[in-house]
Protein backbone atom coordinates (compact mmCIF):
# COMPACT_ATOMS: atom_id res chain seq x y z
CA UNK A 1 -71.01 -0.60 -44.56
CA UNK A 2 -69.45 0.76 -47.59
CA UNK A 3 -65.86 1.69 -48.09
CA UNK A 4 -66.49 5.45 -48.04
CA UNK A 5 -68.00 5.16 -44.61
CA UNK A 6 -65.03 3.21 -43.33
CA UNK A 7 -62.61 5.70 -44.76
CA UNK A 8 -64.48 8.54 -43.14
CA UNK A 9 -64.31 6.86 -39.75
CA UNK A 10 -60.58 6.32 -40.11
CA UNK A 11 -60.10 9.97 -40.95
CA UNK A 12 -61.84 10.96 -37.72
CA UNK A 13 -59.28 9.10 -35.56
CA UNK A 14 -56.79 11.43 -33.86
CA UNK A 15 -53.34 9.84 -33.67
CA UNK A 16 -51.54 9.90 -30.32
CA UNK A 17 -49.14 12.73 -29.64
CA UNK A 18 -45.48 12.07 -30.42
CA UNK A 19 -43.24 11.44 -27.40
CA UNK A 20 -41.93 14.55 -25.74
CA UNK A 21 -38.46 15.51 -26.85
CA UNK A 22 -35.93 14.85 -24.06
CA UNK A 23 -33.99 18.03 -23.34
CA UNK A 24 -30.42 17.96 -24.67
CA UNK A 25 -29.00 18.94 -21.28
CA UNK A 26 -30.34 15.74 -19.72
CA UNK A 27 -28.30 13.66 -22.17
CA UNK A 28 -25.26 15.83 -21.52
CA UNK A 29 -25.64 15.41 -17.76
CA UNK A 30 -25.89 11.62 -18.11
CA UNK A 31 -22.75 11.53 -20.29
CA UNK A 32 -20.77 13.68 -17.83
CA UNK A 33 -21.86 11.49 -14.91
CA UNK A 34 -20.74 8.39 -16.80
CA UNK A 35 -17.34 9.95 -17.59
CA UNK A 36 -16.84 11.04 -13.97
CA UNK A 37 -17.68 7.59 -12.62
CA UNK A 38 -15.38 5.93 -15.18
CA UNK A 39 -12.52 8.29 -14.22
CA UNK A 40 -13.01 7.55 -10.51
CA UNK A 41 -13.00 3.79 -11.10
CA UNK A 42 -9.89 4.02 -13.30
CA UNK A 43 -8.09 6.11 -10.66
CA UNK A 44 -9.03 3.67 -7.92
CA UNK A 45 -7.77 0.70 -9.95
CA UNK A 46 -4.53 2.50 -10.80
CA UNK A 47 -3.93 3.42 -7.16
CA UNK A 48 -4.46 -0.18 -6.04
CA UNK A 49 -2.12 -1.45 -8.74
CA UNK A 50 0.55 1.09 -7.76
CA UNK A 51 0.25 0.17 -4.08
CA UNK A 52 0.78 -3.52 -4.82
CA UNK A 53 3.70 -2.95 -7.17
CA UNK A 54 5.90 -0.96 -4.82
CA UNK A 55 9.46 -1.77 -5.89
CA UNK A 56 11.76 -3.38 -3.34
CA UNK A 57 14.34 -0.65 -3.99
CA UNK A 58 11.88 1.95 -2.68
CA UNK A 59 11.27 -0.16 0.41
CA UNK A 60 14.99 -0.49 1.05
CA UNK A 61 15.60 3.22 0.44
CA UNK A 62 12.84 4.19 2.85
CA UNK A 63 14.14 1.69 5.41
CA UNK A 64 17.70 3.03 5.14
CA UNK A 65 16.47 6.58 5.66
CA UNK A 66 14.44 5.47 8.68
CA UNK A 67 17.49 3.59 10.00
CA UNK A 68 19.62 6.76 9.79
CA UNK A 69 17.03 8.79 11.68
CA UNK A 70 16.60 6.02 14.24
CA UNK A 71 20.29 5.76 14.92
CA UNK A 72 20.64 9.53 15.32
CA UNK A 73 17.74 9.75 17.77
CA UNK A 74 19.04 6.76 19.73
CA UNK A 75 22.57 8.15 19.93
CA UNK A 76 21.16 11.53 21.05
CA UNK A 77 19.37 9.65 23.88
CA UNK A 78 15.98 10.89 22.67
CA UNK A 79 14.68 7.31 22.82
CA UNK A 80 15.66 4.47 25.12
CA UNK A 81 17.05 1.06 24.15
CA UNK A 82 13.67 -0.65 24.26
CA UNK A 83 12.02 1.85 21.92
CA UNK A 84 15.04 1.71 19.62
CA UNK A 85 14.82 -2.10 19.53
CA UNK A 86 11.13 -1.95 18.56
CA UNK A 87 11.82 0.59 15.83
CA UNK A 88 14.87 -1.28 14.55
CA UNK A 89 12.84 -4.48 14.27
CA UNK A 90 10.18 -2.61 12.31
CA UNK A 91 12.76 -1.07 9.97
CA UNK A 92 14.26 -4.50 9.30
CA UNK A 93 10.89 -6.12 8.74
CA UNK A 94 9.65 -3.47 6.33
CA UNK A 95 12.95 -2.95 4.56
CA UNK A 96 13.39 -6.65 3.87
CA UNK A 97 9.73 -7.06 2.88
CA UNK A 98 8.88 -9.55 5.62
CA UNK A 99 5.48 -10.13 7.16
CA UNK A 100 7.18 -10.72 10.50
CA UNK A 101 10.67 -11.35 11.83
CA UNK A 102 11.53 -14.98 12.45
CA UNK A 103 14.57 -17.21 12.80
CA UNK A 104 14.10 -18.21 9.15
CA UNK A 105 16.48 -15.74 7.59
CA UNK A 106 15.48 -13.75 4.48
CA UNK A 107 17.54 -14.01 1.26
CA UNK A 108 19.51 -10.86 2.14
CA UNK A 109 20.91 -12.61 5.20
CA UNK A 110 21.74 -15.98 3.66
CA UNK A 111 25.46 -15.63 4.52
CA UNK A 112 24.77 -14.31 8.02
CA UNK A 113 22.17 -16.77 9.31
CA UNK A 114 23.75 -17.19 12.80
CA UNK A 115 24.22 -13.43 13.07
CA UNK A 116 20.57 -12.94 12.06
CA UNK A 117 19.36 -15.24 14.85
CA UNK A 118 21.67 -13.52 17.36
CA UNK A 119 20.39 -10.09 16.29
CA UNK A 120 16.78 -11.21 16.71
CA UNK A 121 17.56 -12.60 20.17
CA UNK A 122 19.16 -9.31 21.22
CA UNK A 123 16.22 -7.32 19.89
CA UNK A 124 13.77 -9.63 21.65
CA UNK A 125 15.70 -9.29 24.92
CA UNK A 126 15.43 -5.52 24.70
CA UNK A 127 11.79 -5.52 23.69
CA UNK A 128 10.21 -8.21 25.86
CA UNK A 129 12.16 -8.54 29.08
CA UNK A 130 11.19 -6.23 31.92
CA UNK A 131 14.80 -5.91 33.11
CA UNK A 132 17.43 -5.26 30.54
CA UNK A 133 20.84 -6.20 31.87
CA UNK A 134 22.72 -5.19 28.72
CA UNK A 135 22.34 -2.03 26.64
CA UNK A 136 21.38 -2.23 22.97
CA UNK A 137 24.57 -3.01 21.00
CA UNK A 138 25.35 -0.36 18.36
CA UNK A 139 26.51 -3.13 16.01
CA UNK A 140 22.86 -4.05 15.41
CA UNK A 141 22.46 -0.85 13.41
CA UNK A 142 25.44 -1.77 11.24
CA UNK A 143 24.12 -5.29 10.66
CA UNK A 144 20.75 -3.84 9.66
CA UNK A 145 22.43 -1.38 7.28
CA UNK A 146 24.42 -4.19 5.63
CA UNK A 147 21.34 -6.38 5.20
CA UNK A 148 19.26 -3.52 3.81
CA UNK A 149 21.94 -2.63 1.25
CA UNK A 150 22.51 -6.21 0.08
CA UNK A 151 21.34 -6.65 -3.52
CA UNK A 152 19.40 -9.84 -2.78
CA UNK A 153 17.27 -8.10 -0.17
CA UNK A 154 14.48 -7.48 -2.64
CA UNK A 155 12.09 -10.32 -2.01
């Protein structure tokens, strides 16, 4: 075979077709989808971070507002002593940032440890005994207000 013959054979070869051009809108759609997913993930992370970092002042402020409403509804006889005791315990627990109420007093109550235990006993009597011999003492609301407004109550 001579070189002219080889060159002629190479000239007869048809090269493959170039790849098809991807439409520009497909790239735009992929970029927009990526941006939307990134924005959703960033929003989700920010919301989780904000939920964890709720300041103790906000908790106390919300608890004080709930305490005011609770006292008004209790004094208006719209709820009974048992329901008021349950709600008061919840307001204290949330406002002081406690997982649950226990005889171990929180920092806001460090000077009133015996009063704290007595308050819990009175709340428990109202909540868990079928017969309540004594009504709910109104002083419990004042104790709760004092503990929720104490500066060391942020845990």
